[in-house]
Protein backbone atom coordinates (compact mmCIF):
# COMPACT_ATOMS: atom_id res chain seq x y z
CA MET A 1 18.03 -19.82 -68.18
CA ARG A 2 21.39 -19.49 -66.29
CA GLU A 3 22.22 -21.76 -63.11
CA LEU A 4 22.39 -19.90 -59.84
CA LYS A 5 26.11 -18.40 -59.59
CA LYS A 6 25.97 -16.45 -56.32
CA VAL A 7 23.74 -16.39 -53.27
CA LEU A 8 23.84 -13.26 -50.77
CA ALA A 9 22.28 -13.39 -47.30
CA ALA A 10 21.02 -10.24 -45.35
CA THR A 11 21.30 -10.60 -41.48
CA ASP A 12 20.97 -8.11 -38.73
CA GLY A 13 22.58 -10.65 -36.45
CA SER A 14 19.17 -11.88 -35.23
CA GLU A 15 17.50 -14.91 -34.88
CA HIS A 16 15.62 -14.51 -38.58
CA GLY A 17 18.99 -12.88 -39.78
CA LEU A 18 20.27 -16.35 -38.98
CA ALA A 19 17.93 -18.26 -40.65
CA ALA A 20 18.62 -16.34 -43.66
CA VAL A 21 22.40 -17.09 -43.56
CA VAL A 22 21.71 -20.89 -42.69
CA THR A 23 19.49 -21.04 -45.48
CA GLY A 24 21.42 -18.96 -48.10
CA ALA A 25 24.67 -20.93 -47.40
CA THR A 26 23.21 -24.42 -47.41
CA LEU A 27 21.25 -23.62 -50.60
CA ALA A 28 24.50 -22.29 -52.11
CA GLN A 29 26.57 -25.26 -51.47
CA ARG A 30 23.86 -27.52 -53.12
CA ALA A 31 23.89 -25.31 -56.29
CA ARG A 32 27.71 -25.04 -56.19
CA ALA A 33 27.37 -21.34 -56.41
CA GLY A 34 29.03 -18.73 -54.41
CA PHE A 35 27.84 -17.26 -50.98
CA GLU A 36 28.18 -13.84 -49.32
CA VAL A 37 26.44 -12.33 -46.70
CA ALA A 38 25.85 -8.49 -45.92
CA THR A 39 24.57 -6.73 -42.94
CA VAL A 40 23.62 -3.40 -42.29
CA VAL A 41 24.06 -0.92 -39.66
CA GLU A 42 21.22 1.74 -39.06
CA VAL A 43 23.43 4.25 -37.12
CA LEU A 44 22.26 6.85 -35.01
CA LEU A 45 24.03 9.36 -33.25
CA LEU A 46 23.77 9.38 -29.55
CA PRO A 47 22.37 12.79 -28.05
CA PRO A 48 24.77 14.46 -25.54
CA PRO A 49 23.69 13.56 -22.50
CA TYR A 50 24.31 9.91 -23.37
CA THR A 51 27.81 10.57 -24.57
CA LEU A 52 30.82 10.16 -23.00
CA PRO A 53 32.89 13.12 -22.19
CA ARG A 54 35.62 14.08 -25.29
CA ALA A 55 34.03 10.80 -27.21
CA ASP A 56 34.25 11.09 -30.79
CA ALA A 57 30.73 9.97 -32.25
CA ALA A 58 32.52 7.97 -35.14
CA GLU A 59 33.94 5.70 -32.49
CA TYR A 60 30.84 4.85 -32.10
CA GLU A 61 29.94 3.90 -35.58
CA LEU A 62 32.99 1.87 -35.89
CA GLU A 63 32.32 -0.09 -32.71
CA PHE A 64 28.49 -0.83 -34.22
CA LEU A 65 30.29 -2.10 -37.58
CA ARG A 66 32.88 -4.17 -35.90
CA GLU A 67 30.28 -5.76 -33.94
CA ALA A 68 28.07 -6.03 -36.81
CA ARG A 69 30.77 -7.86 -38.80
CA GLU A 70 31.69 -10.36 -35.99
CA GLN A 71 27.88 -11.17 -35.81
CA ALA A 72 27.65 -11.99 -39.70
CA ALA A 73 30.80 -13.98 -39.52
CA GLY A 74 29.57 -16.11 -36.67
CA GLN A 75 26.51 -16.65 -38.27
CA ALA A 76 28.20 -17.57 -41.54
CA ARG A 77 30.31 -20.20 -39.49
CA GLU A 78 27.35 -21.55 -38.13
CA GLY A 79 26.02 -22.12 -41.59
CA GLY A 80 28.72 -23.96 -42.67
CA ALA A 81 30.52 -20.95 -44.52
CA PRO A 82 33.60 -19.52 -42.63
CA ASP A 83 34.99 -18.19 -45.29
CA ALA A 84 32.07 -16.19 -47.05
CA PRO A 85 32.66 -12.54 -47.65
CA VAL A 86 30.76 -10.50 -45.28
CA HIS A 87 29.81 -6.86 -46.49
CA VAL A 88 29.17 -4.19 -43.88
CA ARG A 89 27.52 -1.13 -44.57
CA ALA A 90 26.00 1.97 -42.61
CA GLY A 91 22.69 3.41 -43.80
CA LEU A 92 19.38 2.33 -44.82
CA VAL A 93 19.06 -1.39 -44.77
CA PRO A 94 16.81 -2.13 -47.91
CA GLN A 95 18.75 0.31 -50.40
CA LEU A 96 22.07 -0.94 -49.33
CA VAL A 97 21.32 -4.71 -49.49
CA ASN A 98 20.30 -4.33 -52.63
CA LYS A 99 23.32 -2.48 -53.70
CA VAL A 100 25.56 -5.05 -52.29
CA ALA A 101 23.32 -7.66 -54.39
CA HIS A 102 24.12 -5.42 -57.75
CA GLU A 103 27.87 -5.09 -56.66
CA SER A 104 28.37 -8.85 -55.80
CA GLY A 105 26.39 -9.98 -58.58
CA SER A 106 24.21 -12.03 -56.71
CA ASP A 107 21.59 -13.87 -58.47
CA LEU A 108 19.45 -14.44 -55.25
CA ILE A 109 18.81 -12.26 -52.20
CA VAL A 110 17.68 -14.50 -49.04
CA VAL A 111 16.05 -12.75 -45.91
CA GLY A 112 14.50 -14.17 -42.80
CA ALA A 113 11.11 -14.10 -42.13
CA ASN A 114 9.62 -13.13 -38.70
CA PRO A 115 10.38 -15.77 -35.93
CA GLN A 116 6.68 -16.03 -35.31
CA PRO A 117 5.06 -14.94 -38.34
CA ALA A 118 1.50 -15.78 -36.91
CA LEU A 119 1.92 -13.18 -33.98
CA ALA A 120 3.43 -10.74 -36.01
CA ARG A 121 0.82 -11.23 -38.61
CA SER A 122 3.12 -11.37 -41.33
CA LEU A 123 5.72 -13.26 -42.65
CA VAL A 124 8.18 -10.65 -43.33
CA GLY A 125 8.58 -7.27 -41.38
CA PRO A 126 8.83 -3.97 -42.71
CA THR A 127 12.59 -3.94 -43.63
CA GLY A 128 11.98 -7.36 -45.51
CA ARG A 129 9.39 -5.80 -47.76
CA ARG A 130 11.02 -2.72 -48.60
CA ILE A 131 14.02 -5.23 -49.83
CA LEU A 132 11.28 -6.93 -52.00
CA TYR A 133 10.22 -3.78 -52.89
CA LEU A 134 13.45 -2.44 -54.61
CA ALA A 135 14.77 -5.62 -55.67
CA ASP A 136 15.33 -6.55 -59.31
CA ARG A 137 16.35 -10.03 -58.56
CA PRO A 138 14.45 -13.09 -56.69
CA VAL A 139 14.39 -12.59 -53.08
CA LEU A 140 13.64 -15.78 -50.58
CA VAL A 141 12.06 -15.10 -47.45
CA ALA A 142 13.36 -18.14 -45.09
CA SER A 143 10.95 -19.10 -42.77
CA GLN A 144 13.35 -21.13 -40.68
CA ALA A 145 17.09 -21.98 -40.78
CA ARG A 146 16.73 -24.90 -43.32
CA ARG A 147 19.62 -27.21 -44.41
CA GLU A 148 17.27 -29.44 -46.23
CA PRO A 149 16.56 -29.52 -49.67
CA TYR A 150 13.19 -28.44 -50.85
CA ARG A 151 10.96 -31.53 -51.42
CA ARG A 152 7.69 -29.90 -52.53
CA ILE A 153 7.33 -26.60 -54.47
CA VAL A 154 4.29 -24.57 -55.40
CA ALA A 155 4.53 -22.35 -57.96
CA ALA A 156 1.73 -19.75 -58.06
CA ILE A 157 1.09 -18.23 -61.36
CA ASP A 158 -1.47 -16.07 -63.13
CA LEU A 159 -0.95 -16.94 -66.80
CA SER A 160 0.59 -13.78 -67.74
CA GLN A 161 3.77 -13.65 -69.61
CA ALA A 162 5.17 -12.68 -66.09
CA SER A 163 4.55 -16.53 -65.15
CA LEU A 164 7.08 -17.48 -67.37
CA SER A 165 9.87 -16.24 -65.04
CA VAL A 166 7.86 -17.66 -61.89
CA LEU A 167 8.11 -21.00 -63.57
CA LYS A 168 11.60 -21.19 -65.02
CA CYS A 169 12.60 -20.09 -60.91
CA ALA A 170 10.63 -22.73 -59.59
CA TRP A 171 11.87 -25.09 -62.00
CA MET A 172 15.70 -24.43 -61.41
CA ARG A 173 14.73 -25.00 -58.14
CA ALA A 174 12.95 -28.36 -57.92
CA ARG A 175 15.63 -29.56 -60.21
CA ALA A 176 18.61 -28.51 -58.17
CA ASP A 177 16.82 -30.12 -55.02
CA ALA A 178 14.99 -33.08 -56.98
CA ALA A 179 11.60 -31.55 -55.80
CA GLU A 180 8.20 -32.21 -56.82
CA LEU A 181 6.72 -29.10 -58.52
CA ARG A 182 2.93 -28.04 -58.79
CA ALA A 183 2.14 -25.02 -61.14
CA LEU A 184 -1.00 -23.64 -59.77
CA PHE A 185 -3.50 -21.14 -61.44
CA VAL A 186 -6.17 -19.75 -59.21
CA LEU A 187 -9.43 -18.97 -61.13
CA GLU A 188 -11.32 -16.10 -59.55
CA PRO A 189 -14.80 -16.41 -59.14
CA LEU A 190 -17.04 -15.23 -61.70
CA PRO A 191 -19.77 -12.72 -60.87
CA MET A 192 -22.91 -13.62 -59.00
CA MET A 193 -25.05 -13.72 -62.19
CA LEU A 194 -22.60 -15.84 -64.36
CA THR A 195 -22.19 -18.32 -61.34
CA ARG A 196 -25.77 -19.76 -61.95
CA VAL A 197 -25.15 -20.55 -65.40
CA ALA A 198 -23.05 -24.05 -65.19
CA ARG A 199 -22.03 -23.29 -68.84
CA PHE A 200 -19.81 -20.42 -68.30
CA ARG A 201 -18.08 -21.98 -65.00
CA ALA A 202 -16.91 -25.30 -67.51
CA GLU A 203 -15.97 -22.41 -70.11
CA GLY A 204 -14.15 -20.52 -67.87
CA ARG A 205 -12.26 -23.54 -66.49
CA ARG A 206 -11.91 -25.15 -69.83
CA LYS A 207 -10.00 -21.94 -71.00
CA ALA A 208 -7.77 -21.84 -67.77
CA GLU A 209 -6.75 -25.46 -68.66
CA LEU A 210 -5.86 -24.63 -72.06
CA GLU A 211 -4.23 -21.38 -70.96
CA LEU A 212 -2.03 -23.49 -68.51
CA GLU A 213 -0.94 -25.54 -71.14
CA ARG A 214 0.34 -23.02 -73.11
CA VAL A 215 2.15 -21.04 -70.26
CA LEU A 216 4.00 -24.41 -69.66
CA GLY A 217 4.87 -24.92 -73.41
CA GLU A 218 6.34 -21.22 -73.16
CA ALA A 219 8.46 -22.08 -70.29
CA GLY A 220 9.63 -25.34 -71.96
CA LEU A 221 7.64 -27.70 -69.19
CA ALA A 222 4.98 -29.00 -71.01
CA ALA A 223 6.91 -32.30 -71.55
CA GLU A 224 8.38 -32.69 -68.04
CA ASP A 225 5.85 -35.33 -66.26
CA SER A 226 7.66 -34.26 -62.62
CA VAL A 227 5.53 -31.03 -63.02
CA GLN A 228 2.16 -31.27 -61.53
CA LYS A 229 -0.74 -28.88 -63.05
CA ARG A 230 -3.30 -27.82 -60.41
CA ILE A 231 -6.43 -25.28 -60.98
CA ARG A 232 -8.35 -23.95 -57.97
CA GLU A 233 -11.24 -21.33 -57.78
CA GLY A 234 -11.54 -18.74 -55.14
CA ASN A 235 -9.41 -15.62 -53.92
CA ALA A 236 -5.99 -16.47 -54.93
CA GLY A 237 -3.88 -15.69 -52.06
CA ARG A 238 -6.33 -17.84 -49.69
CA GLU A 239 -6.17 -20.54 -52.52
CA ILE A 240 -2.44 -20.48 -52.90
CA LEU A 241 -1.98 -20.68 -49.10
CA GLN A 242 -4.55 -23.59 -48.72
CA GLU A 243 -2.68 -25.70 -51.67
CA ALA A 244 0.45 -25.15 -50.11
CA GLN A 245 -0.94 -26.20 -46.43
CA GLU A 246 -2.76 -29.24 -48.29
CA TRP A 247 -0.29 -30.69 -50.14
CA ASP A 248 2.88 -29.84 -47.48
CA ALA A 249 4.72 -27.53 -49.38
CA ASP A 250 7.93 -26.49 -48.36
CA LEU A 251 8.25 -23.36 -50.72
CA VAL A 252 5.91 -20.98 -52.62
CA VAL A 253 7.11 -19.38 -55.42
CA LEU A 254 5.45 -16.59 -56.96
CA GLY A 255 5.84 -13.08 -58.86
CA THR A 256 5.85 -9.16 -58.40
CA HIS A 257 2.91 -7.17 -59.78
CA GLY A 258 4.57 -6.54 -62.60
CA PHE A 259 7.94 -5.71 -64.88
CA GLY A 260 8.66 -1.89 -63.57
CA PHE A 261 9.75 -0.45 -60.66
CA PHE A 262 6.59 1.17 -59.97
CA ASP A 263 5.06 -2.12 -60.50
CA ARG A 264 7.54 -3.54 -57.70
CA LEU A 265 6.65 -0.91 -55.55
CA MET A 266 3.00 -2.23 -55.38
CA LEU A 267 4.02 -6.12 -55.10
CA GLY A 268 0.38 -6.93 -56.19
CA SER A 269 -2.55 -7.86 -53.48
CA THR A 270 -1.72 -11.77 -53.90
CA SER A 271 1.73 -11.45 -53.47
CA LEU A 272 1.22 -8.89 -50.35
CA TYR A 273 -1.47 -11.49 -49.10
CA VAL A 274 0.75 -14.72 -49.06
CA LEU A 275 3.53 -12.75 -47.51
CA ARG A 276 1.46 -11.47 -44.63
CA HIS A 277 -0.80 -14.72 -44.24
CA GLY A 278 1.68 -17.17 -44.95
CA HIS A 279 3.87 -19.14 -42.69
CA ARG A 280 6.37 -21.13 -45.38
CA ALA A 281 9.47 -20.09 -47.16
CA THR A 282 8.66 -17.94 -50.07
CA LEU A 283 10.11 -17.04 -53.14
CA VAL A 284 9.48 -13.81 -54.58
CA VAL A 285 10.28 -13.45 -58.26
CA PRO A 286 10.49 -10.15 -60.24
CA GLY A 287 8.58 -10.53 -63.59
CA SER A 288 11.80 -10.32 -66.16
CA GLU A 289 13.72 -12.53 -64.12
CA THR A 290 15.19 -15.85 -65.45
CA GLN A 291 17.64 -17.14 -63.20
CA VAL A 292 17.80 -19.12 -59.69
């Protein structure tokens, strides 16, 4: 595993963009990592009736880019990173944010959550989701402008090989912030016929406990006393959020659906449920990622 080396915060100059910048800047400071900011302007040419006489459309674009840079630089100063490089691009936000992350060698992308997720019915908006779909590195959805370390982290795993990346990323974050870490596996309900037989329920839970121990061992965390093990039964998305609420976790870490590009486009029903219904900071980890 490699330590976090560079964080990239994506902002559009808004309140939730500020949350991403402040969270990313302070996280980078705690990890002694580099920090950079990306902002993308989706420039639309004004129709002729709204264009000033003899005005060059390119001037509008330059003005938009200058304003975007000033806003991003101002947010970086507010986040305590006045010298952070600011990348300004014009075009499609998801593609260009991920391109900047690749070019800058960033290990983590931080995006802002909806300011009022309960009203928006989603923790992350359409643009943030598209960044997640395309990302080949972890993406942190910042639910607020957080300057404090994380204290309680839930790592939601499905016991597949992809769970190793989730656990390793969660452990790196927990170790950096001296946070408590809880590895959570949700045992999906058995078919109705089998639930009537106590033996099947007990057997299913016993196998889940053994598999959870196995995955923790493969992640090198079996001997870590600070890592708690938790098994719940029910719908995965709902149980993850319920566990986070009951434990008052301030960060949820989970994985995408699989390893490949087309799997990431799907994200997975559990990940989407958490992002749509959760109100807490969420770190989404691609299946092959072992950083952060």
